Amino acid sequence: MKFITHLSWLLRALLFLAILAFALMNTGPVTLRFFLGQTWQTPMIVALLFFFASGAALGVLACVSRLARQRREILKLRREQRPGGDRALPPQA
């Protein structure tokens, strides 16, 4: 089990170093043009990081409603399992 933990940390470190190398190779300026003539000049890696983080945040926000609905359903089912809960009797055949 200890070997897997060490291997996991080694892979994380290698991934971090690969991303760091990618960031250091992409420091050249890039100009982003928005509507109404607005421009933003920044290093490419900053723009990539900003848009990656924005996409991740939008993905999380898209999942929030489903997670909230599932949490409400779990709470409802737990209440029904308690003794004396609002448990309906099954239909008689």
PDB file of N, CA and C in Angstrom:
ATOM      1  N   MET A   1       0.823  -1.200   0.000  1.00  0.00           N
ATOM      2  CA  MET A   1       0.000   0.000   0.000  1.00  0.00           C
ATOM      3  C   MET A   1       0.865   1.262   0.000  1.00  0.00           C
ATOM      4  N   LYS A   2       2.002   1.174   0.702  1.00  0.00           N
ATOM      5  CA  LYS A   2       2.896   2.323   0.761  1.00  0.00           C
ATOM      6  C   LYS A   2       3.503   2.620  -0.609  1.00  0.00           C
ATOM      7  N   PHE A   3       3.756   1.557  -1.393  1.00  0.00           N
ATOM      8  CA  PHE A   3       4.310   1.731  -2.735  1.00  0.00           C
ATOM      9  C   PHE A   3       3.353   2.524  -3.614  1.00  0.00           C
ATOM     10  N   ILE A   4       2.072   2.226  -3.522  1.00  0.00           N
ATOM     11  CA  ILE A   4       1.071   2.925  -4.342  1.00  0.00           C
ATOM     12  C   ILE A   4       1.018   4.398  -3.963  1.00  0.00           C
ATOM     13  N   THR A   5       1.124   4.683  -2.673  1.00  0.00           N
ATOM     14  CA  THR A   5       1.107   6.082  -2.223  1.00  0.00           C
ATOM     15  C   THR A   5       2.308   6.835  -2.784  1.00  0.00           C
ATOM     16  N   HIS A   6       3.475   6.215  -2.721  1.00  0.00           N
ATOM     17  CA  HIS A   6       4.677   6.859  -3.261  1.00  0.00           C
ATOM     18  C   HIS A   6       4.567   7.030  -4.778  1.00  0.00           C
ATOM     19  N   LEU A   7       4.061   6.031  -5.440  1.00  0.00           N
ATOM     20  CA  LEU A   7       3.885   6.116  -6.889  1.00  0.00           C
ATOM     21  C   LEU A   7       2.904   7.226  -7.260  1.00  0.00           C
ATOM     22  N   SER A   8       1.844   7.350  -6.488  1.00  0.00           N
ATOM     23  CA  SER A   8       0.865   8.407  -6.727  1.00  0.00           C
ATOM     24  C   SER A   8       1.513   9.791  -6.594  1.00  0.00           C
ATOM     25  N   TRP A   9       2.304   9.999  -5.533  1.00  0.00           N
ATOM     26  CA  TRP A   9       2.975  11.278  -5.355  1.00  0.00           C
ATOM     27  C   TRP A   9       4.003  11.536  -6.448  1.00  0.00           C
ATOM     28  N   LEU A  10       4.680  10.505  -6.909  1.00  0.00           N
ATOM     29  CA  LEU A  10       5.642  10.656  -7.995  1.00  0.00           C
ATOM     30  C   LEU A  10       4.942  11.096  -9.282  1.00  0.00           C
ATOM     31  N   LEU A  11       3.805  10.478  -9.581  1.00  0.00           N
ATOM     32  CA  LEU A  11       3.052  10.860 -10.783  1.00  0.00           C
ATOM     33  C   LEU A  11       2.518  12.279 -10.673  1.00  0.00           C
ATOM     34  N   ARG A  12       2.080  12.665  -9.495  1.00  0.00           N
ATOM     35  CA  ARG A  12       1.619  14.045  -9.297  1.00  0.00           C
ATOM     36  C   ARG A  12       2.750  15.039  -9.519  1.00  0.00           C
ATOM     37  N   ALA A  13       3.935  14.722  -8.996  1.00  0.00           N
ATOM     38  CA  ALA A  13       5.087  15.606  -9.171  1.00  0.00           C
ATOM     39  C   ALA A  13       5.473  15.711 -10.645  1.00  0.00           C
ATOM     40  N   LEU A  14       5.458  14.590 -11.362  1.00  0.00           N
ATOM     41  CA  LEU A  14       5.771  14.622 -12.796  1.00  0.00           C
ATOM     42  C   LEU A  14       4.741  15.434 -13.571  1.00  0.00           C
ATOM     43  N   LEU A  15       3.479  15.281 -13.232  1.00  0.00           N
ATOM     44  CA  LEU A  15       2.437  16.068 -13.896  1.00  0.00           C
ATOM     45  C   LEU A  15       2.624  17.555 -13.619  1.00  0.00           C
ATOM     46  N   PHE A  16       2.932  17.889 -12.370  1.00  0.00           N
ATOM     47  CA  PHE A  16       3.174  19.285 -12.018  1.00  0.00           C
ATOM     48  C   PHE A  16       4.353  19.843 -12.808  1.00  0.00           C
ATOM     49  N   LEU A  17       5.435  19.082 -12.900  1.00  0.00           N
ATOM     50  CA  LEU A  17       6.611  19.556 -13.650  1.00  0.00           C
ATOM     51  C   LEU A  17       6.305  19.717 -15.133  1.00  0.00           C
ATOM     52  N   ALA A  18       5.498  18.831 -15.700  1.00  0.00           N
ATOM     53  CA  ALA A  18       5.117  18.958 -17.111  1.00  0.00           C
ATOM     54  C   ALA A  18       4.285  20.222 -17.335  1.00  0.00           C
ATOM     55  N   ILE A  19       3.352  20.486 -16.438  1.00  0.00           N
ATOM     56  CA  ILE A  19       2.519  21.690 -16.575  1.00  0.00           C
ATOM     57  C   ILE A  19       3.362  22.942 -16.369  1.00  0.00           C
ATOM     58  N   LEU A  20       4.295  22.889 -15.419  1.00  0.00           N
ATOM     59  CA  LEU A  20       5.184  24.033 -15.187  1.00  0.00           C
ATOM     60  C   LEU A  20       6.045  24.299 -16.425  1.00  0.00           C
ATOM     61  N   ALA A  21       6.583  23.254 -17.037  1.00  0.00           N
ATOM     62  CA  ALA A  21       7.388  23.429 -18.251  1.00  0.00           C
ATOM     63  C   ALA A  21       6.545  24.017 -19.373  1.00  0.00           C
ATOM     64  N   PHE A  22       5.306  23.541 -19.505  1.00  0.00           N
ATOM     65  CA  PHE A  22       4.396  24.094 -20.519  1.00  0.00           C
ATOM     66  C   PHE A  22       4.155  25.577 -20.261  1.00  0.00           C
ATOM     67  N   ALA A  23       3.958  25.941 -19.005  1.00  0.00           N
ATOM     68  CA  ALA A  23       3.718  27.344 -18.660  1.00  0.00           C
ATOM     69  C   ALA A  23       4.935  28.205 -18.972  1.00  0.00           C
ATOM     70  N   LEU A  24       6.122  27.690 -18.666  1.00  0.00           N
ATOM     71  CA  LEU A  24       7.331  28.483 -18.911  1.00  0.00           C
ATOM     72  C   LEU A  24       7.624  28.648 -20.402  1.00  0.00           C
ATOM     73  N   MET A  25       7.175  27.694 -21.224  1.00  0.00           N
ATOM     74  CA  MET A  25       7.395  27.810 -22.668  1.00  0.00           C
ATOM     75  C   MET A  25       6.376  28.731 -23.332  1.00  0.00           C
ATOM     76  N   ASN A  26       5.276  29.050 -22.648  1.00  0.00           N
ATOM     77  CA  ASN A  26       4.212  29.865 -23.231  1.00  0.00           C
ATOM     78  C   ASN A  26       4.038  31.176 -22.472  1.00  0.00           C
ATOM     79  N   THR A  27       5.123  31.924 -22.384  1.00  0.00           N
ATOM     80  CA  THR A  27       5.056  33.205 -21.682  1.00  0.00           C
ATOM     81  C   THR A  27       4.913  34.380 -22.645  1.00  0.00           C
ATOM     82  N   GLY A  28       4.880  34.103 -23.925  1.00  0.00           N
ATOM     83  CA  GLY A  28       4.753  35.182 -24.910  1.00  0.00           C
ATOM     84  C   GLY A  28       3.425  35.900 -24.779  1.00  0.00           C
ATOM     85  N   PRO A  29       3.405  37.193 -25.108  1.00  0.00           N
ATOM     86  CA  PRO A  29       2.153  37.954 -24.973  1.00  0.00           C
ATOM     87  C   PRO A  29       1.136  37.555 -26.040  1.00  0.00           C
ATOM     88  N   VAL A  30      -0.103  37.604 -25.646  1.00  0.00           N
ATOM     89  CA  VAL A  30      -1.209  37.335 -26.559  1.00  0.00           C
ATOM     90  C   VAL A  30      -2.232  38.450 -26.352  1.00  0.00           C
ATOM     91  N   THR A  31      -2.854  38.872 -27.445  1.00  0.00           N
ATOM     92  CA  THR A  31      -3.870  39.913 -27.360  1.00  0.00           C
ATOM     93  C   THR A  31      -5.233  39.290 -27.612  1.00  0.00           C
ATOM     94  N   LEU A  32      -6.116  39.432 -26.650  1.00  0.00           N
ATOM     95  CA  LEU A  32      -7.489  38.946 -26.792  1.00  0.00           C
ATOM     96  C   LEU A  32      -8.375  40.129 -27.157  1.00  0.00           C
ATOM     97  N   ARG A  33      -9.166  39.960 -28.187  1.00  0.00           N
ATOM     98  CA  ARG A  33     -10.049  41.033 -28.649  1.00  0.00           C
ATOM     99  C   ARG A  33     -11.480  40.682 -28.291  1.00  0.00           C
ATOM    100  N   PHE A  34     -12.122  41.591 -27.557  1.00  0.00           N
ATOM    101  CA  PHE A  34     -13.497  41.409 -27.133  1.00  0.00           C
ATOM    102  C   PHE A  34     -14.403  42.319 -27.945  1.00  0.00           C
ATOM    103  N   PHE A  35     -15.665  42.317 -27.618  1.00  0.00           N
ATOM    104  CA  PHE A  35     -16.629  43.169 -28.314  1.00  0.00           C
ATOM    105  C   PHE A  35     -16.364  44.641 -28.019  1.00  0.00           C
ATOM    106  N   LEU A  36     -16.831  45.494 -28.891  1.00  0.00           N
ATOM    107  CA  LEU A  36     -16.742  46.954 -28.773  1.00  0.00           C
ATOM    108  C   LEU A  36     -15.295  47.440 -28.686  1.00  0.00           C
ATOM    109  N   GLY A  37     -14.402  46.736 -29.349  1.00  0.00           N
ATOM    110  CA  GLY A  37     -13.016  47.185 -29.435  1.00  0.00           C
ATOM    111  C   GLY A  37     -12.196  46.990 -28.175  1.00  0.00           C
ATOM    112  N   GLN A  38     -12.707  46.271 -27.213  1.00  0.00           N
ATOM    113  CA  GLN A  38     -11.953  46.013 -25.986  1.00  0.00           C
ATOM    114  C   GLN A  38     -10.858  44.988 -26.264  1.00  0.00           C
ATOM    115  N   THR A  39      -9.670  45.228 -25.744  1.00  0.00           N
ATOM    116  CA  THR A  39      -8.572  44.275 -25.898  1.00  0.00           C
ATOM    117  C   THR A  39      -7.938  44.009 -24.539  1.00  0.00           C
ATOM    118  N   TRP A  40      -7.304  42.866 -24.440  1.00  0.00           N
ATOM    119  CA  TRP A  40      -6.613  42.472 -23.216  1.00  0.00           C
ATOM    120  C   TRP A  40      -5.323  41.794 -23.628  1.00  0.00           C
ATOM    121  N   GLN A  41      -4.199  42.354 -23.220  1.00  0.00           N
ATOM    122  CA  GLN A  41      -2.902  41.779 -23.557  1.00  0.00           C
ATOM    123  C   GLN A  41      -2.296  41.179 -22.293  1.00  0.00           C
ATOM    124  N   THR A  42      -1.962  39.896 -22.388  1.00  0.00           N
ATOM    125  CA  THR A  42      -1.468  39.153 -21.236  1.00  0.00           C
ATOM    126  C   THR A  42      -0.596  38.000 -21.723  1.00  0.00           C
ATOM    127  N   PRO A  43       0.225  37.428 -20.870  1.00  0.00           N
ATOM    128  CA  PRO A  43       0.958  36.222 -21.273  1.00  0.00           C
ATOM    129  C   PRO A  43      -0.026  35.089 -21.584  1.00  0.00           C
ATOM    130  N   MET A  44       0.337  34.257 -22.543  1.00  0.00           N
ATOM    131  CA  MET A  44      -0.572  33.200 -22.986  1.00  0.00           C
ATOM    132  C   MET A  44      -0.975  32.268 -21.852  1.00  0.00           C
ATOM    133  N   ILE A  45      -0.046  31.929 -20.975  1.00  0.00           N
ATOM    134  CA  ILE A  45      -0.369  30.988 -19.912  1.00  0.00           C
ATOM    135  C   ILE A  45      -1.398  31.571 -18.950  1.00  0.00           C
ATOM    136  N   VAL A  46      -1.376  32.878 -18.739  1.00  0.00           N
ATOM    137  CA  VAL A  46      -2.380  33.510 -17.870  1.00  0.00           C
ATOM    138  C   VAL A  46      -3.758  33.401 -18.517  1.00  0.00           C
ATOM    139  N   ALA A  47      -3.823  33.649 -19.819  1.00  0.00           N
ATOM    140  CA  ALA A  47      -5.093  33.531 -20.527  1.00  0.00           C
ATOM    141  C   ALA A  47      -5.601  32.085 -20.490  1.00  0.00           C
ATOM    142  N   LEU A  48      -4.700  31.115 -20.728  1.00  0.00           N
ATOM    143  CA  LEU A  48      -5.102  29.711 -20.686  1.00  0.00           C
ATOM    144  C   LEU A  48      -5.591  29.320 -19.297  1.00  0.00           C
ATOM    145  N   LEU A  49      -4.878  29.746 -18.260  1.00  0.00           N
ATOM    146  CA  LEU A  49      -5.278  29.430 -16.895  1.00  0.00           C
ATOM    147  C   LEU A  49      -6.633  30.066 -16.563  1.00  0.00           C
ATOM    148  N   PHE A  50      -6.827  31.306 -16.976  1.00  0.00           N
ATOM    149  CA  PHE A  50      -8.095  31.991 -16.714  1.00  0.00           C
ATOM    150  C   PHE A  50      -9.258  31.257 -17.378  1.00  0.00           C
ATOM    151  N   PHE A  51      -9.109  30.906 -18.650  1.00  0.00           N
ATOM    152  CA  PHE A  51     -10.214  30.249 -19.345  1.00  0.00           C
ATOM    153  C   PHE A  51     -10.412  28.805 -18.875  1.00  0.00           C
ATOM    154  N   PHE A  52      -9.354  28.129 -18.473  1.00  0.00           N
ATOM    155  CA  PHE A  52      -9.499  26.789 -17.900  1.00  0.00           C
ATOM    156  C   PHE A  52     -10.266  26.863 -16.583  1.00  0.00           C
ATOM    157  N   ALA A  53      -9.890  27.818 -15.724  1.00  0.00           N
ATOM    158  CA  ALA A  53     -10.568  27.972 -14.430  1.00  0.00           C
ATOM    159  C   ALA A  53     -12.029  28.373 -14.627  1.00  0.00           C
ATOM    160  N   SER A  54     -12.286  29.232 -15.609  1.00  0.00           N
ATOM    161  CA  SER A  54     -13.668  29.627 -15.892  1.00  0.00           C
ATOM    162  C   SER A  54     -14.491  28.430 -16.352  1.00  0.00           C
ATOM    163  N   GLY A  55     -13.933  27.618 -17.218  1.00  0.00           N
ATOM    164  CA  GLY A  55     -14.633  26.425 -17.688  1.00  0.00           C
ATOM    165  C   GLY A  55     -14.893  25.440 -16.563  1.00  0.00           C
ATOM    166  N   ALA A  56     -13.919  25.258 -15.687  1.00  0.00           N
ATOM    167  CA  ALA A  56     -14.103  24.351 -14.543  1.00  0.00           C
ATOM    168  C   ALA A  56     -15.194  24.882 -13.614  1.00  0.00           C
ATOM    169  N   ALA A  57     -15.198  26.189 -13.375  1.00  0.00           N
ATOM    170  CA  ALA A  57     -16.223  26.785 -12.508  1.00  0.00           C
ATOM    171  C   ALA A  57     -17.611  26.628 -13.129  1.00  0.00           C
ATOM    172  N   LEU A  58     -17.726  26.837 -14.434  1.00  0.00           N
ATOM    173  CA  LEU A  58     -19.019  26.646 -15.095  1.00  0.00           C
ATOM    174  C   LEU A  58     -19.474  25.193 -15.031  1.00  0.00           C
ATOM    175  N   GLY A  59     -18.546  24.266 -15.154  1.00  0.00           N
ATOM    176  CA  GLY A  59     -18.882  22.848 -15.032  1.00  0.00           C
ATOM    177  C   GLY A  59     -19.397  22.496 -13.648  1.00  0.00           C
ATOM    178  N   VAL A  60     -18.755  23.053 -12.626  1.00  0.00           N
ATOM    179  CA  VAL A  60     -19.210  22.804 -11.254  1.00  0.00           C
ATOM    180  C   VAL A  60     -20.587  23.417 -11.036  1.00  0.00           C
ATOM    181  N   LEU A  61     -20.791  24.631 -11.525  1.00  0.00           N
ATOM    182  CA  LEU A  61     -22.097  25.276 -11.381  1.00  0.00           C
ATOM    183  C   LEU A  61     -23.194  24.499 -12.098  1.00  0.00           C
ATOM    184  N   ALA A  62     -22.856  23.869 -13.203  1.00  0.00           N
ATOM    185  CA  ALA A  62     -23.845  23.077 -13.928  1.00  0.00           C
ATOM    186  C   ALA A  62     -24.274  21.854 -13.134  1.00  0.00           C
ATOM    187  N   CYS A  63     -23.412  21.352 -12.258  1.00  0.00           N
ATOM    188  CA  CYS A  63     -23.716  20.157 -11.456  1.00  0.00           C
ATOM    189  C   CYS A  63     -24.407  20.472 -10.139  1.00  0.00           C
ATOM    190  N   VAL A  64     -24.400  21.723  -9.713  1.00  0.00           N
ATOM    191  CA  VAL A  64     -24.911  22.072  -8.389  1.00  0.00           C
ATOM    192  C   VAL A  64     -26.393  21.724  -8.232  1.00  0.00           C
ATOM    193  N   SER A  65     -27.211  21.996  -9.226  1.00  0.00           N
ATOM    194  CA  SER A  65     -28.645  21.726  -9.083  1.00  0.00           C
ATOM    195  C   SER A  65     -28.908  20.230  -8.938  1.00  0.00           C
ATOM    196  N   ARG A  66     -28.214  19.416  -9.704  1.00  0.00           N
ATOM    197  CA  ARG A  66     -28.389  17.965  -9.596  1.00  0.00           C
ATOM    198  C   ARG A  66     -27.936  17.469  -8.228  1.00  0.00           C
ATOM    199  N   LEU A  67     -26.802  17.976  -7.740  1.00  0.00           N
ATOM    200  CA  LEU A  67     -26.318  17.560  -6.419  1.00  0.00           C
ATOM    201  C   LEU A  67     -27.289  17.961  -5.320  1.00  0.00           C
ATOM    202  N   ALA A  68     -27.858  19.162  -5.420  1.00  0.00           N
ATOM    203  CA  ALA A  68     -28.819  19.613  -4.417  1.00  0.00           C
ATOM    204  C   ALA A  68     -30.071  18.734  -4.449  1.00  0.00           C
ATOM    205  N   ARG A  69     -30.533  18.389  -5.639  1.00  0.00           N
ATOM    206  CA  ARG A  69     -31.712  17.532  -5.759  1.00  0.00           C
ATOM    207  C   ARG A  69     -31.436  16.153  -5.163  1.00  0.00           C
ATOM    208  N   GLN A  70     -30.270  15.598  -5.443  1.00  0.00           N
ATOM    209  CA  GLN A  70     -29.921  14.292  -4.891  1.00  0.00           C
ATOM    210  C   GLN A  70     -29.793  14.344  -3.377  1.00  0.00           C
ATOM    211  N   ARG A  71     -29.248  15.424  -2.847  1.00  0.00           N
ATOM    212  CA  ARG A  71     -29.125  15.567  -1.391  1.00  0.00           C
ATOM    213  C   ARG A  71     -30.500  15.629  -0.733  1.00  0.00           C
ATOM    214  N   ARG A  72     -31.432  16.384  -1.349  1.00  0.00           N
ATOM    215  CA  ARG A  72     -32.790  16.436  -0.801  1.00  0.00           C
ATOM    216  C   ARG A  72     -33.442  15.063  -0.820  1.00  0.00           C
ATOM    217  N   GLU A  73     -33.234  14.321  -1.893  1.00  0.00           N
ATOM    218  CA  GLU A  73     -33.811  12.974  -1.979  1.00  0.00           C
ATOM    219  C   GLU A  73     -33.208  12.038  -0.939  1.00  0.00           C
ATOM    220  N   ILE A  74     -31.919  12.127  -0.715  1.00  0.00           N
ATOM    221  CA  ILE A  74     -31.272  11.296   0.304  1.00  0.00           C
ATOM    222  C   ILE A  74     -31.834  11.623   1.683  1.00  0.00           C
ATOM    223  N   LEU A  75     -31.985  12.907   1.999  1.00  0.00           N
ATOM    224  CA  LEU A  75     -32.548  13.292   3.287  1.00  0.00           C
ATOM    225  C   LEU A  75     -33.978  12.773   3.436  1.00  0.00           C
ATOM    226  N   LYS A  76     -34.747  12.849   2.364  1.00  0.00           N
ATOM    227  CA  LYS A  76     -36.126  12.352   2.392  1.00  0.00           C
ATOM    228  C   LYS A  76     -36.135  10.844   2.648  1.00  0.00           C
ATOM    229  N   LEU A  77     -35.271  10.103   1.969  1.00  0.00           N
ATOM    230  CA  LEU A  77     -35.213   8.656   2.155  1.00  0.00           C
ATOM    231  C   LEU A  77     -34.732   8.291   3.565  1.00  0.00           C
ATOM    232  N   ARG A  78     -33.810   9.048   4.120  1.00  0.00           N
ATOM    233  CA  ARG A  78     -33.353   8.788   5.494  1.00  0.00           C
ATOM    234  C   ARG A  78     -34.482   9.024   6.495  1.00  0.00           C
ATOM    235  N   ARG A  79     -35.263  10.100   6.267  1.00  0.00           N
ATOM    236  CA  ARG A  79     -36.401  10.364   7.149  1.00  0.00           C
ATOM    237  C   ARG A  79     -37.402   9.232   7.086  1.00  0.00           C
ATOM    238  N   GLU A  80     -37.618   8.680   5.905  1.00  0.00           N
ATOM    239  CA  GLU A  80     -38.572   7.587   5.749  1.00  0.00           C
ATOM    240  C   GLU A  80     -38.078   6.312   6.424  1.00  0.00           C
ATOM    241  N   GLN A  81     -36.777   6.121   6.530  1.00  0.00           N
ATOM    242  CA  GLN A  81     -36.227   4.919   7.150  1.00  0.00           C
ATOM    243  C   GLN A  81     -36.293   4.957   8.668  1.00  0.00           C
ATOM    244  N   ARG A  82     -36.375   6.135   9.255  1.00  0.00           N
ATOM    245  CA  ARG A  82     -36.436   6.240  10.715  1.00  0.00           C
ATOM    246  C   ARG A  82     -37.705   5.576  11.238  1.00  0.00           C
ATOM    247  N   PRO A  83     -37.620   5.006  12.437  1.00  0.00           N
ATOM    248  CA  PRO A  83     -38.834   4.438  13.020  1.00  0.00           C
ATOM    249  C   PRO A  83     -39.869   5.540  13.246  1.00  0.00           C
ATOM    250  N   GLY A  84     -41.087   5.278  12.859  1.00  0.00           N
ATOM    251  CA  GLY A  84     -42.151   6.271  13.003  1.00  0.00           C
ATOM    252  C   GLY A  84     -42.114   7.337  11.937  1.00  0.00           C
ATOM    253  N   GLY A  85     -41.339   7.130  10.883  1.00  0.00           N
ATOM    254  CA  GLY A  85     -41.266   8.100   9.801  1.00  0.00           C
ATOM    255  C   GLY A  85     -42.516   8.046   8.954  1.00  0.00           C
ATOM    256  N   ASP A  86     -42.616   8.898   7.992  1.00  0.00           N
ATOM    257  CA  ASP A  86     -43.778   8.949   7.110  1.00  0.00           C
ATOM    258  C   ASP A  86     -43.649   7.860   6.047  1.00  0.00           C
ATOM    259  N   ARG A  87     -43.644   6.628   6.480  1.00  0.00           N
ATOM    260  CA  ARG A  87     -43.473   5.528   5.550  1.00  0.00           C
ATOM    261  C   ARG A  87     -44.858   5.020   5.097  1.00  0.00           C
ATOM    262  N   ALA A  88     -45.079   5.023   3.822  1.00  0.00           N
ATOM    263  CA  ALA A  88     -46.363   4.550   3.293  1.00  0.00           C
ATOM    264  C   ALA A  88     -46.322   3.016   3.251  1.00  0.00           C
ATOM    265  N   LEU A  89     -47.486   2.398   3.470  1.00  0.00           N
ATOM    266  CA  LEU A  89     -47.559   0.942   3.415  1.00  0.00           C
ATOM    267  C   LEU A  89     -47.540   0.502   1.960  1.00  0.00           C
ATOM    268  N   PRO A  90     -46.891  -0.636   1.668  1.00  0.00           N
ATOM    269  CA  PRO A  90     -46.885  -1.125   0.292  1.00  0.00           C
ATOM    270  C   PRO A  90     -48.294  -1.603  -0.098  1.00  0.00           C
ATOM    271  N   PRO A  91     -48.620  -1.500  -1.377  1.00  0.00           N
ATOM    272  CA  PRO A  91     -49.960  -1.936  -1.810  1.00  0.00           C
ATOM    273  C   PRO A  91     -50.147  -3.423  -1.574  1.00  0.00           C
ATOM    274  N   GLN A  92     -51.349  -3.776  -1.149  1.00  0.00           N
ATOM    275  CA  GLN A  92     -51.681  -5.182  -0.903  1.00  0.00           C
ATOM    276  C   GLN A  92     -52.114  -5.830  -2.205  1.00  0.00           C
ATOM    277  N   ALA A  93     -51.580  -7.045  -2.470  1.00  0.00           N
ATOM    278  CA  ALA A  93     -51.930  -7.729  -3.719  1.00  0.00           C
ATOM    279  C   ALA A  93     -53.072  -8.690  -3.501  1.00  0.00           C
TER     280      ALA A  93
END
